[in-house]
C-alpha atoms as a PDB file:
ATOM      1  CA  MET A   1     -86.861   2.200  14.340  1.00  0.00           C
ATOM      2  CA  ALA A   2     -83.428   2.144  12.643  1.00  0.00           C
ATOM      3  CA  VAL A   3     -80.962  -0.152  12.275  1.00  0.00           C
ATOM      4  CA  MET A   4     -77.588   1.048  11.828  1.00  0.00           C
ATOM      5  CA  ASP A   5     -75.139  -0.119   9.343  1.00  0.00           C
ATOM      6  CA  LEU A   6     -72.177  -0.219  11.515  1.00  0.00           C
ATOM      7  CA  GLU A   7     -68.976  -0.141   9.396  1.00  0.00           C
ATOM      8  CA  GLY A   8     -66.392  -0.141  11.614  1.00  0.00           C
ATOM      9  CA  ILE A   9     -65.355   0.569  15.367  1.00  0.00           C
ATOM     10  CA  PRO A  10     -62.908   3.397  16.294  1.00  0.00           C
ATOM     11  CA  ILE A  11     -59.526   1.530  17.008  1.00  0.00           C
ATOM     12  CA  ASP A  12     -57.683   4.304  19.010  1.00  0.00           C
ATOM     13  CA  GLU A  13     -60.941   3.837  21.504  1.00  0.00           C
ATOM     14  CA  VAL A  14     -60.804   0.959  22.059  1.00  0.00           C
ATOM     15  CA  LEU A  15     -56.750   1.055  22.969  1.00  0.00           C
ATOM     16  CA  ARG A  16     -58.051   3.445  25.333  1.00  0.00           C
ATOM     17  CA  TYR A  17     -60.907   1.743  26.863  1.00  0.00           C
ATOM     18  CA  LEU A  18     -58.122  -0.752  27.115  1.00  0.00           C
ATOM     19  CA  GLY A  19     -55.448   2.022  29.110  1.00  0.00           C
ATOM     20  CA  ALA A  20     -53.465   2.037  25.621  1.00  0.00           C
ATOM     21  CA  ALA A  21     -53.991   5.432  24.675  1.00  0.00           C
ATOM     22  CA  GLY A  22     -50.969   6.988  23.568  1.00  0.00           C
ATOM     23  CA  LYS A  23     -48.551   3.894  23.713  1.00  0.00           C
ATOM     24  CA  ASP A  24     -47.437   1.615  21.635  1.00  0.00           C
ATOM     25  CA  PRO A  25     -50.057  -1.367  21.323  1.00  0.00           C
ATOM     26  CA  GLY A  26     -47.399  -3.632  20.432  1.00  0.00           C
ATOM     27  CA  PRO A  27     -49.273  -7.213  19.589  1.00  0.00           C
ATOM     28  CA  LEU A  28     -52.314  -5.628  21.555  1.00  0.00           C
ATOM     29  CA  LEU A  29     -53.135  -3.906  18.160  1.00  0.00           C
ATOM     30  CA  PRO A  30     -54.239  -6.535  15.916  1.00  0.00           C
ATOM     31  CA  LEU A  31     -55.765  -8.643  18.518  1.00  0.00           C
ATOM     32  CA  ALA A  32     -57.821  -5.364  18.973  1.00  0.00           C
ATOM     33  CA  GLU A  33     -58.830  -5.452  14.771  1.00  0.00           C
ATOM     34  CA  ALA A  34     -59.426  -9.204  14.752  1.00  0.00           C
ATOM     35  CA  CYS A  35     -62.081  -8.459  17.707  1.00  0.00           C
ATOM     36  CA  CYS A  36     -63.325  -5.186  16.572  1.00  0.00           C
ATOM     37  CA  ARG A  37     -63.839  -7.822  13.116  1.00  0.00           C
ATOM     38  CA  GLU A  38     -65.679 -10.380  15.350  1.00  0.00           C
ATOM     39  CA  LEU A  39     -67.652  -8.320  17.662  1.00  0.00           C
ATOM     40  CA  LEU A  40     -69.462  -6.424  14.222  1.00  0.00           C
ATOM     41  CA  ALA A  41     -70.261  -9.443  12.890  1.00  0.00           C
ATOM     42  CA  ALA A  42     -72.194 -10.359  15.709  1.00  0.00           C
ATOM     43  CA  ALA A  43     -73.844  -6.601  16.191  1.00  0.00           C
ATOM     44  CA  ARG A  44     -77.042  -6.159  14.631  1.00  0.00           C
ATOM     45  CA  PRO A  45     -76.958  -1.952  15.966  1.00  0.00           C
ATOM     46  CA  ARG A  46     -80.444  -0.564  16.304  1.00  0.00           C
ATOM     47  CA  TRP A  47     -81.693   2.747  17.781  1.00  0.00           C
ATOM     48  CA  THR A  48     -84.667   4.803  18.300  1.00  0.00           C
ATOM     49  CA  TRP A  49     -86.076   8.348  19.184  1.00  0.00           C
ATOM     50  CA  ARG A  50     -88.522  10.278  20.682  1.00  0.00           C
ATOM     51  CA  ILE A  51     -88.538  13.711  21.296  1.00  0.00           C
ATOM     52  CA  PHE A  52     -91.108  15.540  24.094  1.00  0.00           C
ATOM     53  CA  ALA A  53     -91.812  19.222  25.219  1.00  0.00           C
ATOM     54  CA  CYS A  54     -90.508  19.214  29.061  1.00  0.00           C
ATOM     55  CA  GLU A  55     -90.828  22.239  32.060  1.00  0.00           C
ATOM     56  CA  GLU A  56     -88.630  22.117  34.857  1.00  0.00           C
ATOM     57  CA  THR A  57     -90.424  21.787  38.622  1.00  0.00           C
ATOM     58  CA  PRO A  58     -89.385  22.058  41.894  1.00  0.00           C
ATOM     59  CA  GLU A  59     -88.919  17.894  41.362  1.00  0.00           C
ATOM     60  CA  GLY A  60     -86.996  18.078  38.192  1.00  0.00           C
ATOM     61  CA  VAL A  61     -88.302  18.200  34.648  1.00  0.00           C
ATOM     62  CA  ARG A  62     -91.718  16.637  33.689  1.00  0.00           C
ATOM     63  CA  LEU A  63     -92.210  15.852  29.967  1.00  0.00           C
ATOM     64  CA  ASP A  64     -95.717  16.645  27.980  1.00  0.00           C
ATOM     65  CA  CYS A  65     -96.603  13.055  28.418  1.00  0.00           C
ATOM     66  CA  GLY A  66     -96.834  13.264  32.005  1.00  0.00           C
ATOM     67  CA  LEU A  67     -93.681  11.409  32.887  1.00  0.00           C
ATOM     68  CA  LEU A  68     -91.393  13.299  35.737  1.00  0.00           C
ATOM     69  CA  LEU A  69     -87.324  12.910  35.459  1.00  0.00           C
ATOM     70  CA  PRO A  70     -86.555  13.789  38.602  1.00  0.00           C
ATOM     71  CA  GLY A  71     -83.204  15.395  40.002  1.00  0.00           C
ATOM     72  CA  LYS A  72     -81.528  18.572  40.554  1.00  0.00           C
ATOM     73  CA  ASP A  73     -78.628  17.055  38.444  1.00  0.00           C
ATOM     74  CA  LEU A  74     -80.614  16.743  35.302  1.00  0.00           C
ATOM     75  CA  ARG A  75     -83.111  20.067  35.661  1.00  0.00           C
ATOM     76  CA  ARG A  76     -79.662  21.771  36.019  1.00  0.00           C
ATOM     77  CA  HIS A  77     -78.356  19.861  32.860  1.00  0.00           C
ATOM     78  CA  LEU A  78     -81.467  20.281  30.883  1.00  0.00           C
ATOM     79  CA  SER A  79     -81.426  24.460  32.211  1.00  0.00           C
ATOM     80  CA  GLY A  80     -83.210  26.445  29.276  1.00  0.00           C
ATOM     81  CA  CYS A  81     -84.252  23.999  27.102  1.00  0.00           C
ATOM     82  CA  ARG A  82     -88.080  23.482  26.060  1.00  0.00           C
ATOM     83  CA  GLU A  83     -87.597  20.413  24.621  1.00  0.00           C
ATOM     84  CA  ALA A  84     -86.296  17.186  25.302  1.00  0.00           C
ATOM     85  CA  VAL A  85     -85.373  13.741  22.957  1.00  0.00           C
ATOM     86  CA  LEU A  86     -85.223  10.346  24.515  1.00  0.00           C
ATOM     87  CA  LEU A  87     -83.152   8.305  22.886  1.00  0.00           C
ATOM     88  CA  ALA A  88     -82.442   4.498  22.980  1.00  0.00           C
ATOM     89  CA  ALA A  89     -79.453   2.207  21.511  1.00  0.00           C
ATOM     90  CA  THR A  90     -78.582  -1.533  21.440  1.00  0.00           C
ATOM     91  CA  LEU A  91     -76.007  -4.013  20.095  1.00  0.00           C
ATOM     92  CA  SER A  92     -78.297  -6.868  20.511  1.00  0.00           C
ATOM     93  CA  GLN A  93     -78.542  -9.929  22.221  1.00  0.00           C
ATOM     94  CA  GLY A  94     -75.781 -11.434  19.734  1.00  0.00           C
ATOM     95  CA  VAL A  95     -72.825  -9.696  21.543  1.00  0.00           C
ATOM     96  CA  ASP A  96     -74.284 -10.096  24.579  1.00  0.00           C
ATOM     97  CA  ALA A  97     -73.790 -14.027  23.350  1.00  0.00           C
ATOM     98  CA  LEU A  98     -70.731 -12.939  22.217  1.00  0.00           C
ATOM     99  CA  LEU A  99     -69.092 -11.645  25.790  1.00  0.00           C
ATOM    100  CA  ARG A 100     -70.383 -14.902  27.205  1.00  0.00           C
ATOM    101  CA  ARG A 101     -69.216 -17.418  25.444  1.00  0.00           C
ATOM    102  CA  THR A 102     -65.625 -15.839  25.506  1.00  0.00           C
ATOM    103  CA  GLN A 103     -65.482 -15.308  29.224  1.00  0.00           C
ATOM    104  CA  LEU A 104     -65.974 -18.920  29.597  1.00  0.00           C
ATOM    105  CA  CYS A 105     -63.048 -19.936  27.212  1.00  0.00           C
ATOM    106  CA  ASP A 106     -60.571 -16.782  26.498  1.00  0.00           C
ATOM    107  CA  LEU A 107     -60.699 -14.263  29.461  1.00  0.00           C
ATOM    108  CA  SER A 108     -57.906 -12.160  27.906  1.00  0.00           C
ATOM    109  CA  ARG A 109     -59.726 -12.101  24.438  1.00  0.00           C
ATOM    110  CA  SER A 110     -63.107 -11.136  26.494  1.00  0.00           C
ATOM    111  CA  LEU A 111     -61.764  -7.905  28.278  1.00  0.00           C
ATOM    112  CA  VAL A 112     -60.503  -7.133  24.696  1.00  0.00           C
ATOM    113  CA  LEU A 113     -63.960  -7.434  23.167  1.00  0.00           C
ATOM    114  CA  GLU A 114     -65.570  -5.730  26.072  1.00  0.00           C
ATOM    115  CA  SER A 115     -64.151  -2.489  25.016  1.00  0.00           C
ATOM    116  CA  CYS A 116     -64.746  -3.076  21.491  1.00  0.00           C
ATOM    117  CA  ALA A 117     -68.722  -3.117  22.538  1.00  0.00           C
ATOM    118  CA  THR A 118     -68.198   0.048  24.621  1.00  0.00           C
ATOM    119  CA  ALA A 119     -66.438   1.503  21.782  1.00  0.00           C
ATOM    120  CA  ALA A 120     -69.390  -0.127  19.269  1.00  0.00           C
ATOM    121  CA  ILE A 121     -72.419   1.171  21.223  1.00  0.00           C
ATOM    122  CA  GLU A 122     -70.712   4.281  21.788  1.00  0.00           C
ATOM    123  CA  GLU A 123     -70.378   5.379  18.381  1.00  0.00           C
ATOM    124  CA  VAL A 124     -73.788   4.075  17.749  1.00  0.00           C
ATOM    125  CA  CYS A 125     -74.905   6.561  20.015  1.00  0.00           C
ATOM    126  CA  ASP A 126     -72.505   9.594  18.359  1.00  0.00           C
ATOM    127  CA  ARG A 127     -73.884   8.936  15.189  1.00  0.00           C
ATOM    128  CA  GLY A 128     -77.940   8.643  16.596  1.00  0.00           C
ATOM    129  CA  GLU A 129     -77.329  12.015  18.174  1.00  0.00           C
ATOM    130  CA  ALA A 130     -75.779  13.490  15.174  1.00  0.00           C
ATOM    131  CA  VAL A 131     -78.945  12.410  13.175  1.00  0.00           C
ATOM    132  CA  ILE A 132     -81.265  14.286  16.084  1.00  0.00           C
ATOM    133  CA  ARG A 133     -78.605  17.569  15.623  1.00  0.00           C
ATOM    134  CA  GLU A 134     -78.992  17.608  11.891  1.00  0.00           C
ATOM    135  CA  SER A 135     -82.470  17.172  12.551  1.00  0.00           C
ATOM    136  CA  TYR A 136     -82.688  20.657  14.436  1.00  0.00           C
ATOM    137  CA  PRO A 137     -80.815  22.748  12.643  1.00  0.00           C
ATOM    138  CA  GLY A 138     -79.804  26.117  14.171  1.00  0.00           C
ATOM    139  CA  ARG A 139     -81.174  24.886  17.597  1.00  0.00           C
ATOM    140  CA  SER A 140     -78.525  23.577  20.086  1.00  0.00           C
ATOM    141  CA  LEU A 141     -78.064  20.008  22.118  1.00  0.00           C
ATOM    142  CA  THR A 142     -77.196  19.296  25.632  1.00  0.00           C
ATOM    143  CA  SER A 143     -74.742  16.273  25.861  1.00  0.00           C
ATOM    144  CA  ARG A 144     -76.398  12.995  26.611  1.00  0.00           C
ATOM    145  CA  TYR A 145     -77.706  12.285  30.249  1.00  0.00           C
ATOM    146  CA  SER A 146     -78.630   8.520  30.906  1.00  0.00           C
ATOM    147  CA  PRO A 147     -80.883   7.360  34.053  1.00  0.00           C
ATOM    148  CA  GLY A 148     -77.905   6.086  37.073  1.00  0.00           C
ATOM    149  CA  TYR A 149     -76.146   9.621  36.492  1.00  0.00           C
ATOM    150  CA  GLY A 150     -76.511  11.836  39.168  1.00  0.00           C
ATOM    151  CA  ASP A 151     -79.700  11.748  41.066  1.00  0.00           C
ATOM    152  CA  LEU A 152     -81.982  10.722  38.039  1.00  0.00           C
ATOM    153  CA  PRO A 153     -82.748   7.495  39.296  1.00  0.00           C
ATOM    154  CA  VAL A 154     -81.693   4.371  37.282  1.00  0.00           C
ATOM    155  CA  THR A 155     -85.340   2.616  38.195  1.00  0.00           C
ATOM    156  CA  LEU A 156     -86.940   5.218  35.518  1.00  0.00           C
ATOM    157  CA  GLN A 157     -84.480   2.559  32.689  1.00  0.00           C
ATOM    158  CA  GLY A 158     -88.666   0.711  32.433  1.00  0.00           C
ATOM    159  CA  GLU A 159     -90.732   4.216  31.864  1.00  0.00           C
ATOM    160  CA  LEU A 160     -88.309   5.343  29.416  1.00  0.00           C
ATOM    161  CA  LEU A 161     -88.015   1.679  27.113  1.00  0.00           C
ATOM    162  CA  ALA A 162     -92.017   2.118  27.264  1.00  0.00           C
ATOM    163  CA  LEU A 163     -92.075   5.499  25.996  1.00  0.00           C
ATOM    164  CA  LEU A 164     -90.028   4.522  22.697  1.00  0.00           C
ATOM    165  CA  ASP A 165     -91.432   0.894  22.665  1.00  0.00           C
ATOM    166  CA  THR A 166     -87.502  -0.344  22.651  1.00  0.00           C
ATOM    167  CA  PRO A 167     -89.264  -4.058  23.475  1.00  0.00           C
ATOM    168  CA  ARG A 168     -91.319  -4.450  20.300  1.00  0.00           C
ATOM    169  CA  GLN A 169     -88.796  -1.846  18.029  1.00  0.00           C
ATOM    170  CA  LEU A 170     -85.199  -2.951  19.384  1.00  0.00           C
ATOM    171  CA  GLY A 171     -85.509  -5.765  21.533  1.00  0.00           C
ATOM    172  CA  LEU A 172     -84.517  -3.901  24.221  1.00  0.00           C
ATOM    173  CA  CYS A 173     -85.738  -4.541  27.806  1.00  0.00           C
ATOM    174  CA  ALA A 174     -84.786  -3.633  31.234  1.00  0.00           C
ATOM    175  CA  THR A 175     -84.959  -5.869  34.230  1.00  0.00           C
ATOM    176  CA  GLY A 176     -86.898  -6.137  37.391  1.00  0.00           C
ATOM    177  CA  SER A 177     -83.657  -4.056  38.791  1.00  0.00           C
ATOM    178  CA  SER A 178     -83.703  -1.779  36.135  1.00  0.00           C
ATOM    179  CA  ILE A 179     -80.488  -3.533  34.628  1.00  0.00           C
ATOM    180  CA  LEU A 180     -80.815  -3.201  30.138  1.00  0.00           C
ATOM    181  CA  THR A 181     -81.200  -5.847  27.966  1.00  0.00           C
ATOM    182  CA  PRO A 182     -79.061  -6.611  25.817  1.00  0.00           C
ATOM    183  CA  ARG A 183     -77.071  -5.054  28.496  1.00  0.00           C
ATOM    184  CA  LYS A 184     -74.578  -3.272  25.656  1.00  0.00           C
ATOM    185  CA  SER A 185     -76.965  -0.853  25.445  1.00  0.00           C
ATOM    186  CA  VAL A 186     -77.649   2.633  26.529  1.00  0.00           C
ATOM    187  CA  THR A 187     -80.683   5.155  26.978  1.00  0.00           C
ATOM    188  CA  ALA A 188     -80.443   8.927  27.421  1.00  0.00           C
ATOM    189  CA  VAL A 189     -81.890  12.113  27.519  1.00  0.00           C
ATOM    190  CA  ILE A 190     -80.573  14.844  25.018  1.00  0.00           C
ATOM    191  CA  GLY A 191     -81.917  18.260  25.806  1.00  0.00           C
ATOM    192  CA  VAL A 192     -82.857  20.846  23.071  1.00  0.00           C
ATOM    193  CA  ARG A 193     -82.317  24.822  23.267  1.00  0.00           C
ATOM    194  CA  GLU A 194     -83.594  27.258  21.037  1.00  0.00           C
ATOM    195  CA  ALA A 195     -81.398  29.696  19.122  1.00  0.00           C
ATOM    196  CA  GLY A 196     -79.652  32.483  20.985  1.00  0.00           C
ATOM    197  CA  VAL A 197     -80.562  31.024  24.270  1.00  0.00           C
ATOM    198  CA  GLU A 198     -77.419  30.500  26.294  1.00  0.00           C
ATOM    199  CA  THR A 199     -75.783  27.318  27.199  1.00  0.00           C
ATOM    200  CA  PRO A 200     -75.029  26.720  30.561  1.00  0.00           C
ATOM    201  CA  PRO A 201     -71.312  25.509  30.646  1.00  0.00           C
ATOM    202  CA  GLN A 202     -71.576  21.317  31.017  1.00  0.00           C
ATOM    203  CA  LYS A 203     -69.148  19.639  32.847  1.00  0.00           C
ATOM    204  CA  ARG A 204     -67.922  16.573  31.585  1.00  0.00           C
ATOM    205  CA  SER A 205     -67.201  13.881  34.497  1.00  0.00           C
ATOM    206  CA  CYS A 206     -67.561  10.334  35.066  1.00  0.00           C
ATOM    207  CA  GLU A 207     -71.035  10.900  36.515  1.00  0.00           C
ATOM    208  CA  SER A 208     -72.384  11.957  33.126  1.00  0.00           C
ATOM    209  CA  CYS A 209     -70.687   9.589  30.810  1.00  0.00           C
ATOM    210  CA  SER A 210     -73.072   7.090  28.841  1.00  0.00           C
ATOM    211  CA  LEU A 211     -70.281   4.643  29.577  1.00  0.00           C
ATOM    212  CA  ARG A 212     -70.019   4.821  33.595  1.00  0.00           C
ATOM    213  CA  GLU A 213     -71.366   1.490  34.501  1.00  0.00           C
ATOM    214  CA  SER A 214     -68.811  -0.677  32.255  1.00  0.00           C
ATOM    215  CA  CYS A 215     -65.964   1.891  32.198  1.00  0.00           C
ATOM    216  CA  ALA A 216     -62.605  -0.366  31.843  1.00  0.00           C
ATOM    217  CA  TYR A 217     -61.223   3.172  33.543  1.00  0.00           C
ATOM    218  CA  ARG A 218     -63.466   3.046  36.522  1.00  0.00           C
ATOM    219  CA  ARG A 219     -62.680  -0.558  37.415  1.00  0.00           C
ATOM    220  CA  ALA A 220     -59.460   0.623  37.432  1.00  0.00           C
ATOM    221  CA  GLY A 221     -59.558   3.186  39.433  1.00  0.00           C
ATOM    222  CA  SER A 222     -58.915   5.685  37.086  1.00  0.00           C
ATOM    223  CA  ARG A 223     -60.512   8.287  34.179  1.00  0.00           C
ATOM    224  CA  CYS A 224     -59.941   8.501  30.866  1.00  0.00           C
ATOM    225  CA  SER A 225     -59.448  12.134  30.821  1.00  0.00           C
ATOM    226  CA  PRO A 226     -58.902  14.866  33.357  1.00  0.00           C
ATOM    227  CA  GLU A 227     -62.149  16.199  34.421  1.00  0.00           C
ATOM    228  CA  LYS A 228     -63.763  19.492  32.804  1.00  0.00           C
END
């Protein structure tokens, strides 16, 4: 487990989640900056990861610990990978409490804080992923893929958290309906390929985005960028 010192939240990402990318944000900018500072004061970012040998099976991808990650979508995502990293990250209960309080008294501010929190957990995951990449020089890693994407069932959350010991290490658990608590948390699978193994093209889409469930763009019926 690692405690992450998150010194800042990319304000461009916050504005993007608010639908203000490429526009003059006007008075939204100082509000977003103030909300970033407020959220950082409440956040206690933590993350952890573990690597497993893996193999493709007709049902999906099986880790050497015995856990089957079922479905053809993840199997395609991890094609050519002999190892897979399980990652978990959270902003802590303090952020959830801040969001709940603000929703009760200032709905407009709570929407900005929600975008700040979304950008913050993505930043934590990005920085954690960078550490993992540095641990495997000369090898290629896939993008993150989380339970609930494609045909990878969200009901895997509990088993992934148990493998990573997150209830003890991070205070990160899952409800009976597989919702992560604290809510601003992410679990993901990242494939590791040997040097020289061809990397299949990976399509970026809403279905393979770690922020799919909390994305302001999806709630508004649009996307943050064209699918590739």
